[in-house]
Protein backbone atom coordinates (compact mmCIF):
# COMPACT_ATOMS: atom_id res chain seq x y z
CA UNK A 1 -25.85 -14.78 -19.22
CA UNK A 2 -23.48 -12.20 -21.09
CA UNK A 3 -22.87 -9.05 -18.87
CA UNK A 4 -22.35 -6.76 -22.16
CA UNK A 5 -23.13 -7.68 -25.63
CA UNK A 6 -21.01 -5.26 -28.09
CA UNK A 7 -22.10 -5.35 -31.79
CA UNK A 8 -19.17 -6.30 -34.17
CA UNK A 9 -18.34 -2.93 -35.26
CA UNK A 10 -18.29 -1.40 -32.05
CA UNK A 11 -16.03 -4.11 -31.32
CA UNK A 12 -13.40 -3.33 -33.49
CA UNK A 13 -13.87 0.52 -33.27
CA UNK A 14 -13.23 0.33 -29.46
CA UNK A 15 -9.87 -2.02 -29.78
CA UNK A 16 -8.40 0.51 -32.72
CA UNK A 17 -9.13 3.43 -30.76
CA UNK A 18 -8.07 2.31 -26.82
CA UNK A 19 -4.97 2.86 -25.24
CA UNK A 20 -5.36 0.49 -22.65
CA UNK A 21 -7.23 -2.19 -24.89
CA UNK A 22 -3.32 -4.13 -25.82
CA UNK A 23 -1.45 -5.96 -23.23
CA UNK A 24 2.09 -4.04 -22.69
CA UNK A 25 5.10 -5.51 -24.78
CA UNK A 26 8.45 -5.83 -23.22
CA UNK A 27 9.02 -3.10 -25.67
CA UNK A 28 6.55 -0.83 -23.65
CA UNK A 29 6.11 -2.12 -20.67
CA UNK A 30 5.46 1.11 -18.87
CA UNK A 31 1.98 0.32 -17.98
CA UNK A 32 2.79 -2.86 -16.31
CA UNK A 33 6.35 -3.25 -15.60
CA UNK A 34 7.69 -2.53 -12.65
CA UNK A 35 4.34 -1.47 -11.30
CA UNK A 36 0.86 -1.88 -13.24
CA UNK A 37 -1.20 0.57 -13.51
CA UNK A 38 -4.58 -0.43 -14.66
CA UNK A 39 -6.87 2.37 -15.81
CA UNK A 40 -9.90 3.32 -13.72
CA UNK A 41 -13.65 3.18 -15.70
CA UNK A 42 -15.18 6.62 -13.64
CA UNK A 43 -18.78 7.26 -13.88
CA UNK A 44 -19.02 9.62 -10.83
CA UNK A 45 -16.69 12.05 -9.43
CA UNK A 46 -15.47 12.44 -5.32
CA UNK A 47 -15.17 15.86 -3.68
CA UNK A 48 -12.02 15.89 -1.20
CA UNK A 49 -14.43 17.29 1.46
CA UNK A 50 -16.81 14.37 0.89
CA UNK A 51 -17.17 11.71 3.98
CA UNK A 52 -15.58 8.79 3.21
CA UNK A 53 -16.66 4.77 4.88
CA UNK A 54 -14.50 1.96 4.56
CA UNK A 55 -15.68 -1.84 5.00
CA UNK A 56 -14.58 -5.03 4.36
CA UNK A 57 -11.21 -6.94 4.99
CA UNK A 58 -8.10 -5.61 6.82
CA UNK A 59 -7.26 -4.35 3.50
CA UNK A 60 -10.25 -1.97 3.79
CA UNK A 61 -8.29 -0.32 7.32
CA UNK A 62 -5.34 0.06 5.39
CA UNK A 63 -7.37 1.93 2.22
CA UNK A 64 -9.22 4.07 5.20
CA UNK A 65 -5.82 4.91 6.78
CA UNK A 66 -4.03 5.80 3.46
CA UNK A 67 -7.38 8.16 2.29
CA UNK A 68 -7.11 9.80 6.03
CA UNK A 69 -3.08 10.63 4.97
CA UNK A 70 -4.72 12.39 1.58
CA UNK A 71 -6.69 14.60 3.84
CA UNK A 72 -9.99 12.73 3.26
CA UNK A 73 -12.30 12.50 6.38
CA UNK A 74 -12.47 8.54 6.37
CA UNK A 75 -15.78 8.12 9.34
CA UNK A 76 -14.58 4.86 9.63
CA UNK A 77 -11.51 5.07 11.69
CA UNK A 78 -13.04 4.67 14.82
CA UNK A 79 -11.69 6.15 18.49
CA UNK A 80 -10.66 3.77 21.00
CA UNK A 81 -13.84 2.15 22.83
CA UNK A 82 -14.68 0.88 25.87
CA UNK A 83 -11.59 -1.14 27.30
CA UNK A 84 -11.84 -3.62 30.54
CA UNK A 85 -9.11 -5.84 32.12
CA UNK A 86 -9.36 -8.80 29.60
CA UNK A 87 -9.25 -6.18 26.70
CA UNK A 88 -6.77 -3.71 27.09
CA UNK A 89 -6.99 -1.98 24.28
CA UNK A 90 -9.29 -1.62 20.73
CA UNK A 91 -7.91 -3.95 18.00
CA UNK A 92 -7.96 -2.39 14.54
CA UNK A 93 -8.87 -5.93 13.52
CA UNK A 94 -12.36 -5.11 15.43
CA UNK A 95 -13.09 -3.44 12.10
CA UNK A 96 -12.46 -6.09 9.77
CA UNK A 97 -15.35 -7.80 7.83
CA UNK A 98 -13.62 -10.73 5.62
CA UNK A 99 -16.64 -12.10 3.68
CA UNK A 100 -19.86 -9.99 2.25
CA UNK A 101 -22.09 -12.04 4.61
CA UNK A 102 -20.56 -10.62 7.69
CA UNK A 103 -20.68 -7.18 6.10
CA UNK A 104 -24.17 -7.39 5.71
CA UNK A 105 -25.17 -8.29 9.15
CA UNK A 106 -22.64 -5.37 10.69
CA UNK A 107 -24.62 -2.95 8.06
CA UNK A 108 -27.60 -4.31 8.86
CA UNK A 109 -27.40 -3.92 12.60
CA UNK A 110 -26.34 -0.45 12.10
CA UNK A 111 -28.92 0.29 9.85
CA UNK A 112 -31.47 -1.52 12.20
CA UNK A 113 -30.05 -1.46 15.52
CA UNK A 114 -33.40 -2.37 17.41
CA UNK A 115 -33.14 -5.84 15.30
CA UNK A 116 -29.98 -6.60 17.00
CA UNK A 117 -29.58 -9.34 19.33
CA UNK A 118 -27.38 -10.40 22.19
CA UNK A 119 -28.48 -13.92 22.56
CA UNK A 120 -27.94 -14.60 18.54
CA UNK A 121 -24.12 -13.09 18.38
CA UNK A 122 -22.93 -14.28 21.34
CA UNK A 123 -21.17 -17.72 22.29
CA UNK A 124 -20.57 -19.03 25.64
CA UNK A 125 -17.18 -20.18 26.58
CA UNK A 126 -16.68 -22.66 29.19
CA UNK A 127 -15.34 -20.62 31.85
CA UNK A 128 -18.70 -18.49 31.32
CA UNK A 129 -17.78 -15.74 28.95
CA UNK A 130 -18.98 -14.42 26.08
CA UNK A 131 -17.05 -14.38 22.92
CA UNK A 132 -18.30 -12.39 19.05
CA UNK A 133 -17.53 -13.89 16.21
CA UNK A 134 -18.83 -10.92 14.40
CA UNK A 135 -15.62 -9.34 15.66
CA UNK A 136 -12.21 -11.28 16.26
CA UNK A 137 -14.02 -13.88 18.02
CA UNK A 138 -11.80 -15.65 21.12
CA UNK A 139 -9.38 -12.64 20.69
CA UNK A 140 -12.02 -10.55 22.38
CA UNK A 141 -13.90 -13.02 25.33
CA UNK A 142 -15.46 -11.04 28.21
CA UNK A 143 -17.23 -11.39 31.05
CA UNK A 144 -21.32 -10.93 29.75
CA UNK A 145 -22.07 -7.33 30.58
CA UNK A 146 -18.76 -6.24 29.84
CA UNK A 147 -19.06 -8.04 25.91
CA UNK A 148 -22.66 -6.45 25.84
CA UNK A 149 -22.06 -3.25 26.92
CA UNK A 150 -18.90 -3.57 24.48
CA UNK A 151 -21.09 -4.64 21.76
CA UNK A 152 -23.68 -2.01 21.66
CA UNK A 153 -21.05 0.89 22.02
CA UNK A 154 -19.68 -0.57 18.62
CA UNK A 155 -22.73 -0.85 16.72
CA UNK A 156 -23.32 2.89 17.67
CA UNK A 157 -19.63 3.62 16.33
CA UNK A 158 -20.46 1.67 13.07
CA UNK A 159 -23.92 3.85 12.74
CA UNK A 160 -21.35 6.44 11.47
CA UNK A 161 -21.71 4.74 8.09
CA UNK A 162 -25.24 6.80 7.56
CA UNK A 163 -23.36 9.90 7.22
CA UNK A 164 -21.22 8.51 4.36
CA UNK A 165 -20.92 9.82 0.88
CA UNK A 166 -18.66 7.55 -0.61
CA UNK A 167 -18.72 4.11 0.49
CA UNK A 168 -15.61 2.07 -0.22
CA UNK A 169 -16.46 -1.95 -0.06
CA UNK A 170 -13.65 -4.10 -0.15
CA UNK A 171 -14.40 -7.94 -0.27
CA UNK A 172 -11.72 -10.32 1.36
CA UNK A 173 -12.74 -14.32 0.48
CA UNK A 174 -15.17 -16.90 0.26
CA UNK A 175 -14.51 -19.14 3.01
CA UNK A 176 -17.51 -18.62 5.66
CA UNK A 177 -18.25 -20.41 8.89
CA UNK A 178 -21.60 -20.53 9.65
CA UNK A 179 -23.67 -20.99 12.96
CA UNK A 180 -26.42 -23.78 12.90
CA UNK A 181 -27.55 -22.87 15.96
CA UNK A 182 -28.28 -19.11 15.07
CA UNK A 183 -28.56 -19.62 10.80
CA UNK A 184 -25.87 -16.93 11.22
CA UNK A 185 -22.83 -16.33 9.17
CA UNK A 186 -19.40 -15.70 11.21
CA UNK A 187 -16.77 -13.42 10.63
CA UNK A 188 -14.07 -15.15 11.87
CA UNK A 189 -13.36 -18.73 12.28
CA UNK A 190 -14.14 -20.45 15.27
CA UNK A 191 -11.98 -22.17 17.26
CA UNK A 192 -10.64 -25.85 18.13
CA UNK A 193 -12.00 -25.17 21.63
CA UNK A 194 -14.76 -24.10 20.70
CA UNK A 195 -15.85 -26.58 18.39
CA UNK A 196 -15.26 -29.11 21.45
CA UNK A 197 -17.14 -27.39 23.24
CA UNK A 198 -20.36 -27.50 20.20
CA UNK A 199 -19.97 -30.41 18.65
CA UNK A 200 -21.77 -30.38 15.50
CA UNK A 201 -22.66 -27.15 15.56
CA UNK A 202 -20.63 -24.91 13.24
CA UNK A 203 -19.81 -25.44 9.46
CA UNK A 204 -17.80 -23.81 6.72
CA UNK A 205 -19.29 -22.80 3.70
CA UNK A 206 -17.48 -22.18 0.19
CA UNK A 207 -19.79 -19.08 -1.41
CA UNK A 208 -19.91 -19.69 -4.87
CA UNK A 209 -20.85 -17.22 -7.53
CA UNK A 210 -24.57 -17.08 -6.96
CA UNK A 211 -24.78 -16.77 -3.13
CA UNK A 212 -21.85 -13.68 -3.21
CA UNK A 213 -24.08 -11.98 -6.17
CA UNK A 214 -27.13 -12.39 -3.83
CA UNK A 215 -25.35 -11.19 -0.62
CA UNK A 216 -23.73 -8.15 -2.44
CA UNK A 217 -26.66 -7.29 -4.22
CA UNK A 218 -28.66 -7.57 -0.56
CA UNK A 219 -25.93 -4.83 0.80
CA UNK A 220 -26.99 -2.75 -1.78
CA UNK A 221 -30.13 -2.58 -1.63
CA UNK A 222 -29.54 -2.06 2.45
CA UNK A 223 -27.25 1.12 1.32
CA UNK A 224 -29.68 2.24 -1.32
CA UNK A 225 -32.59 2.29 1.69
CA UNK A 226 -30.68 4.12 4.19
CA UNK A 227 -27.83 6.11 2.49
CA UNK A 228 -28.17 9.25 0.99
CA UNK A 229 -30.19 9.43 -2.60
CA UNK A 230 -26.73 10.29 -4.07
CA UNK A 231 -24.55 7.97 -2.00
CA UNK A 232 -21.38 6.32 -4.71
CA UNK A 233 -20.07 3.07 -3.98
CA UNK A 234 -16.34 1.69 -4.37
CA UNK A 235 -15.55 -2.07 -4.57
CA UNK A 236 -12.76 -4.01 -4.84
CA UNK A 237 -11.28 -7.19 -4.30
CA UNK A 238 -8.12 -7.66 -1.30
CA UNK A 239 -5.37 -8.43 -2.83
CA UNK A 240 -4.25 -9.93 0.42
CA UNK A 241 -4.20 -13.67 0.35
CA UNK A 242 -5.59 -16.04 2.63
CA UNK A 243 -3.97 -17.02 5.64
CA UNK A 244 -4.90 -20.51 5.31
CA UNK A 245 -7.55 -22.80 3.62
CA UNK A 246 -10.47 -25.32 6.10
CA UNK A 247 -10.59 -26.91 2.43
CA UNK A 248 -9.03 -30.25 1.25
CA UNK A 249 -6.89 -27.90 -1.21
CA UNK A 250 -3.63 -26.52 -1.79
CA UNK A 251 -3.84 -22.88 -0.13
CA UNK A 252 -2.16 -21.45 -3.41
CA UNK A 253 -5.77 -22.79 -5.41
CA UNK A 254 -8.06 -22.21 -2.21
CA UNK A 255 -7.08 -18.72 -2.67
CA UNK A 256 -7.36 -18.49 -6.20
CA UNK A 257 -10.72 -19.85 -6.41
CA UNK A 258 -11.87 -17.30 -3.59
CA UNK A 259 -10.74 -14.53 -5.54
CA UNK A 260 -11.57 -15.22 -8.60
CA UNK A 261 -15.39 -15.71 -7.68
CA UNK A 262 -15.15 -12.25 -5.97
CA UNK A 263 -13.66 -10.75 -8.91
CA UNK A 264 -16.16 -12.54 -11.07
CA UNK A 265 -19.36 -11.22 -9.08
CA UNK A 266 -18.05 -7.41 -9.32
CA UNK A 267 -18.27 -7.14 -13.19
CA UNK A 268 -21.99 -8.62 -13.01
CA UNK A 269 -22.55 -6.23 -9.85
CA UNK A 270 -21.45 -3.34 -12.15
CA UNK A 271 -24.33 -3.22 -14.28
CA UNK A 272 -26.65 -0.87 -14.60
CA UNK A 273 -25.48 1.00 -11.57
CA UNK A 274 -24.14 4.33 -12.49
CA UNK A 275 -23.50 5.28 -8.85
CA UNK A 276 -20.90 1.95 -8.12
CA UNK A 277 -17.83 1.42 -9.26
CA UNK A 278 -14.79 -0.47 -9.56
CA UNK A 279 -11.25 0.50 -8.48
CA UNK A 280 -8.30 -2.24 -9.51
CA UNK A 281 -6.59 -2.65 -6.27
CA UNK A 282 -6.55 -6.33 -6.88
CA UNK A 283 -4.57 -5.77 -10.16
CA UNK A 284 -2.68 -2.91 -9.43
CA UNK A 285 -0.80 -5.20 -7.03
CA UNK A 286 -1.06 -8.71 -8.32
CA UNK A 287 0.35 -7.11 -11.50
CA UNK A 288 3.26 -5.41 -10.04
CA UNK A 289 6.69 -6.57 -8.95
CA UNK A 290 6.40 -8.59 -6.01
CA UNK A 291 9.74 -6.76 -4.67
CA UNK A 292 7.35 -3.51 -4.45
CA UNK A 293 4.90 -5.11 -2.69
CA UNK A 294 4.50 -6.84 -0.16
CA UNK A 295 6.12 -6.29 3.69
CA UNK A 296 9.41 -7.55 4.82
CA UNK A 297 8.36 -10.13 7.20
CA UNK A 298 5.54 -11.70 5.18
CA UNK A 299 4.03 -12.54 1.55
CA UNK A 300 0.36 -11.11 2.31
CA UNK A 301 0.69 -8.03 3.47
CA UNK A 302 1.35 -4.59 1.42
CA UNK A 303 3.73 -2.07 2.45
CA UNK A 304 1.77 1.26 3.35
CA UNK A 305 4.09 3.24 0.33
CA UNK A 306 2.34 0.94 -2.58
CA UNK A 307 -1.09 1.66 -1.08
CA UNK A 308 -0.55 5.31 -0.70
CA UNK A 309 0.31 5.05 -4.04
CA UNK A 310 -2.95 2.79 -4.80
CA UNK A 311 -5.23 5.28 -3.50
CA UNK A 312 -3.90 8.70 -4.78
CA UNK A 313 -3.64 7.42 -8.03
CA UNK A 314 -7.29 6.18 -7.78
CA UNK A 315 -8.52 9.26 -6.04
CA UNK A 316 -7.13 11.94 -8.82
CA UNK A 317 -8.95 9.66 -11.22
CA UNK A 318 -12.13 10.32 -9.50
CA UNK A 319 -11.63 13.95 -8.70
CA UNK A 320 -12.19 16.97 -11.25
CA UNK A 321 -9.20 18.91 -10.76
CA UNK A 322 -6.43 17.20 -8.23
CA UNK A 323 -4.24 19.56 -6.60
CA UNK A 324 -0.33 19.89 -7.30
CA UNK A 325 -0.25 18.82 -3.63
CA UNK A 326 -1.92 15.15 -4.65
CA UNK A 327 0.00 15.00 -7.54
CA UNK A 328 3.21 15.34 -5.37
CA UNK A 329 2.20 12.92 -3.11
CA UNK A 330 1.83 10.26 -5.40
CA UNK A 331 4.86 10.70 -6.79
CA UNK A 332 6.71 10.27 -3.66
CA UNK A 333 4.56 6.91 -2.30
CA UNK A 334 5.03 5.23 -6.04
CA UNK A 335 9.10 6.31 -5.75
CA UNK A 336 9.06 5.06 -1.81
CA UNK A 337 8.13 1.55 -3.42
CA UNK A 338 9.89 1.68 -6.37
CA UNK A 339 12.95 2.45 -4.19
CA UNK A 340 11.90 -0.07 -1.89
CA UNK A 341 12.58 -3.04 -4.75
CA UNK A 342 15.83 -1.41 -5.76
CA UNK A 343 14.11 0.08 -8.87
CA UNK A 344 16.56 3.43 -8.93
CA UNK A 345 16.64 4.25 -12.22
CA UNK A 346 12.30 4.34 -12.27
CA UNK A 347 12.44 5.82 -8.33
CA UNK A 348 14.26 9.11 -10.13
CA UNK A 349 12.42 9.08 -13.12
CA UNK A 350 9.56 9.46 -11.21
CA UNK A 351 10.80 12.23 -8.63
CA UNK A 352 12.84 14.31 -11.60
CA UNK A 353 9.93 16.27 -12.49
CA UNK A 354 9.27 17.46 -9.16
CA UNK A 355 12.85 18.48 -8.49
CA UNK A 356 13.14 20.34 -11.72
CA UNK A 357 9.82 22.55 -10.77
CA UNK A 358 9.83 25.64 -10.03
CA UNK A 359 9.12 26.71 -6.55
CA UNK A 360 10.32 24.86 -3.15
CA UNK A 361 9.75 21.07 -2.77
CA UNK A 362 8.66 19.39 0.04
CA UNK A 363 11.74 18.20 2.71
CA UNK A 364 10.12 14.86 2.67
CA UNK A 365 11.11 14.48 -1.59
CA UNK A 366 14.42 16.01 -0.87
CA UNK A 367 15.13 13.25 1.72
CA UNK A 368 13.80 10.36 -0.78
CA UNK A 369 15.65 12.20 -3.72
CA UNK A 370 19.24 12.14 -1.78
CA UNK A 371 18.99 9.04 -0.62
CA UNK A 372 18.13 6.78 -4.18
CA UNK A 373 20.67 9.13 -6.00
CA UNK A 374 23.42 7.54 -3.25
CA UNK A 375 21.73 4.11 -3.21
CA UNK A 376 21.50 4.19 0.26
CA UNK A 377 20.92 0.59 0.82
CA UNK A 378 20.57 -2.19 3.49
CA UNK A 379 18.90 -1.17 6.67
CA UNK A 380 19.59 2.30 6.27
CA UNK A 381 17.52 2.46 3.38
CA UNK A 382 14.16 0.31 5.39
CA UNK A 383 15.10 3.14 8.35
CA UNK A 384 14.64 5.79 5.78
CA UNK A 385 11.59 4.15 4.82
CA UNK A 386 10.04 3.37 7.82
CA UNK A 387 10.79 7.12 8.97
CA UNK A 388 9.24 8.26 5.44
CA UNK A 389 5.98 6.40 5.87
CA UNK A 390 5.74 7.41 10.13
CA UNK A 391 5.71 10.58 9.09
CA UNK A 392 2.86 10.60 5.82
CA UNK A 393 1.12 8.93 8.29
CA UNK A 394 1.13 11.54 10.90
CA UNK A 395 1.31 14.69 8.74
CA UNK A 396 -1.50 15.88 6.40
CA UNK A 397 -0.77 16.97 3.04
CA UNK A 398 -1.40 20.48 3.97
CA UNK A 399 1.02 20.49 7.23
CA UNK A 400 3.91 19.69 4.73
CA UNK A 401 3.69 22.51 2.85
CA UNK A 402 3.69 24.54 5.89
CA UNK A 403 6.22 22.53 7.49
CA UNK A 404 8.54 22.83 3.86
CA UNK A 405 8.21 26.84 3.60
CA UNK A 406 9.62 27.11 7.17
CA UNK A 407 12.28 24.76 7.40
CA UNK A 408 13.46 26.51 3.82
CA UNK A 409 13.29 30.39 4.89
CA UNK A 410 10.72 31.27 2.94
CA UNK A 411 8.53 32.77 5.25
CA UNK A 412 7.78 32.33 8.97
CA UNK A 413 4.87 30.62 9.62
CA UNK A 414 2.56 32.23 12.26
CA UNK A 415 -0.74 31.54 13.92
CA UNK A 416 -1.76 34.91 13.01
CA UNK A 417 -1.78 33.75 9.27
CA UNK A 418 -4.52 30.81 10.30
CA UNK A 419 -8.13 32.94 9.64
CA UNK A 420 -11.35 31.62 9.78
CA UNK A 421 -14.81 31.69 10.76
CA UNK A 422 -17.69 29.72 11.95
CA UNK A 423 -20.70 31.34 9.92
CA UNK A 424 -24.04 29.94 10.30
CA UNK A 425 -25.40 26.93 11.99
CA UNK A 426 -29.31 26.49 11.31
CA UNK A 427 -29.61 23.81 13.98
CA UNK A 428 -28.37 20.48 11.57
CA UNK A 429 -25.59 22.42 9.31
CA UNK A 430 -22.94 24.16 10.17
CA UNK A 431 -20.76 26.23 7.51
CA UNK A 432 -17.78 28.67 7.86
CA UNK A 433 -14.56 28.95 5.74
CA UNK A 434 -10.66 28.64 6.74
CA UNK A 435 -7.57 29.37 4.93
CA UNK A 436 -3.32 30.18 5.98
CA UNK A 437 -2.85 33.67 4.52
CA UNK A 438 -0.72 33.41 1.53
CA UNK A 439 -0.45 29.39 1.28
CA UNK A 440 -2.51 27.84 -1.95
CA UNK A 441 -3.26 25.12 0.47
CA UNK A 442 -6.66 23.74 2.03
CA UNK A 443 -6.71 23.66 5.48
CA UNK A 444 -8.55 20.86 7.91
CA UNK A 445 -10.45 22.08 10.87
CA UNK A 446 -11.21 19.32 13.85
CA UNK A 447 -15.03 19.91 15.36
CA UNK A 448 -14.44 19.43 19.24
CA UNK A 449 -16.79 18.39 22.15
CA UNK A 450 -16.47 18.02 25.48
CA UNK A 451 -12.43 17.99 24.32
CA UNK A 452 -12.76 15.09 21.93
CA UNK A 453 -12.10 15.64 18.31
CA UNK A 454 -15.82 14.40 17.08
CA UNK A 455 -14.61 14.66 13.24
CA UNK A 456 -12.06 16.58 11.09
CA UNK A 457 -13.00 18.25 8.09
CA UNK A 458 -11.23 19.50 4.96
CA UNK A 459 -11.96 23.41 4.42
CA UNK A 460 -11.68 22.87 0.09
CA UNK A 461 -15.13 23.99 -1.10
CA UNK A 462 -15.12 27.69 -3.65
CA UNK A 463 -15.44 30.88 -1.85
CA UNK A 464 -15.30 33.71 -4.04
CA UNK A 465 -15.56 36.23 -1.53
CA UNK A 466 -13.26 35.07 0.56
CA UNK A 467 -10.58 35.14 -2.28
CA UNK A 468 -11.86 38.69 -3.33
CA UNK A 469 -10.78 39.70 0.46
CA UNK A 470 -7.38 37.73 0.71
CA UNK A 471 -6.81 37.16 -3.13
CA UNK A 472 -6.60 33.77 -5.32
CA UNK A 473 -4.75 31.56 -3.25
CA UNK A 474 -7.91 31.69 -0.76
CA UNK A 475 -9.99 30.44 -3.19
CA UNK A 476 -10.66 26.67 -2.04
CA UNK A 477 -11.40 27.52 1.91
CA UNK A 478 -15.20 26.65 2.64
CA UNK A 479 -16.45 23.89 5.01
CA UNK A 480 -20.16 22.48 5.20
CA UNK A 481 -20.41 19.92 7.85
CA UNK A 482 -23.94 17.91 9.38
CA UNK A 483 -23.87 18.22 13.12
CA UNK A 484 -26.71 15.65 14.65
CA UNK A 485 -27.89 16.89 17.81
CA UNK A 486 -29.16 14.15 19.11
CA UNK A 487 -25.32 12.58 19.37
CA UNK A 488 -23.94 15.49 21.02
CA UNK A 489 -22.96 14.70 24.19
CA UNK A 490 -22.31 18.98 24.71
CA UNK A 491 -24.62 22.18 23.90
CA UNK A 492 -21.05 23.75 23.37
CA UNK A 493 -18.92 22.86 20.12
CA UNK A 494 -15.22 24.19 19.09
CA UNK A 495 -14.40 24.32 15.72
CA UNK A 496 -10.37 24.68 15.59
CA UNK A 497 -7.39 24.77 12.91
CA UNK A 498 -6.22 20.85 12.99
CA UNK A 499 -2.40 22.68 12.85
CA UNK A 500 -2.09 24.78 15.37
CA UNK A 501 -4.78 24.12 17.79
CA UNK A 502 -6.40 27.77 17.64
CA UNK A 503 -10.31 28.48 17.48
CA UNK A 504 -12.01 30.09 14.39
CA UNK A 505 -13.90 33.04 15.26
CA UNK A 506 -16.96 32.48 16.70
CA UNK A 507 -15.95 29.30 18.54
CA UNK A 508 -16.74 27.80 20.90
CA UNK A 509 -19.97 27.98 19.49
CA UNK A 510 -23.26 27.31 22.10
CA UNK A 511 -25.77 25.53 19.90
CA UNK A 512 -28.89 26.27 21.68
CA UNK A 513 -28.02 30.13 21.62
CA UNK A 514 -27.68 29.73 18.09
CA UNK A 515 -30.00 27.29 16.68
CA UNK A 516 -31.93 28.49 13.30
CA UNK A 517 -30.28 32.14 13.31
CA UNK A 518 -27.32 33.34 11.38
CA UNK A 519 -24.08 34.10 13.02
CA UNK A 520 -22.54 37.57 12.76
CA UNK A 521 -19.80 37.52 9.62
CA UNK A 522 -16.83 39.72 9.78
């Protein structure tokens, strides 16, 4: 069945009017070479203060971290979970869900925690330990009581998906392991040792179009039933190829099938769903010059600068009025990727408009500009790129602007410049505002319970009343967040500036004293 039927007249009209309907040529390669820039088709908008949850393959984790660097409130970047003598740390890979089947499993248990069954999820090893192949299998075998407690805490952390305004779904692969004893699809490949312990128990199923499409629709039905009525879904295909294949095929051929099935299903999945959009990270990466894409040590993992560029570019298209800071951040990420691939001229062209503009320039951009102009290369180039990437992962857009002003000496930044108030707590929703006087930036605030940062919120909602007092630069300074009393371990909540650590006025807040009451504003 056709996913779209277009009249002949409309088809020609679209072709004649569209600026993106023709494949780029060598004479006009800008949208393809050296960096492919496919257009995103958007049917909804995303606000900078909305909560985002990313789920899927390891590329989903990279997307979440990139969005966090862009100041988005990413719920799926969990804090460290319980440790044990056999599990010294909480590996990021714990949160990877590689197939549509394992994505469905994890979401179902998050929305129906009472349905979770230890006996179906855990597989006992020969030494009486338990392995969880819904997570990362043999990497996290543990004593039964410890493994079970860890799994319950993991499920609880995953339930933060219920608060999401936007879900980002990244589809990874089509070769899925199946447990015939429990009738559950697994998240990871079963080890050779486990096969020897349980012969004839496990199989590999290569999903076809129909099975993939049905599972994706089942995922959507779960989200419709349990997320906010106005939730939005961004879906993409992970560009990271299979590490290996269990099929009797060349890995290059098996990977092409896996990605083709996922990519084809998505176009059918989008039909008649106005709250679902595809964003072409797969096309961004597979069509761009490989020298700009992959990490130095392999041909599978995308370098962080390029992921930052993709997500900045994509999110700017979903936002009604992207900030100048976001445009500058996108330019830095794109220029870094070009510089990494030795496309010096193209990198200079990306940064030049920001160097020439009036006002001050971020130190990060100036450093990158100088290195490109001087053609710094070799190990020094890689050290510079790694340093800039590290700084970008640790310093928010707003913090960069504050640092820029301080470094260039235009005005010393004082903690007294940060002002903000908690205004109202109604037992469920907490509202207020926060800003830095004289700075046209949005401030992050941390919600802290028992010295633990529960969430970070961008104060970016319009507040004409604040701007009327402190000036137009402080227009976008409001915040609104939801607190569930049932999930709080304390009755006292702090709301503090993320950049300085100082509390807003009326913080700490004793919730029981203000339930369903209006705080006294000033």
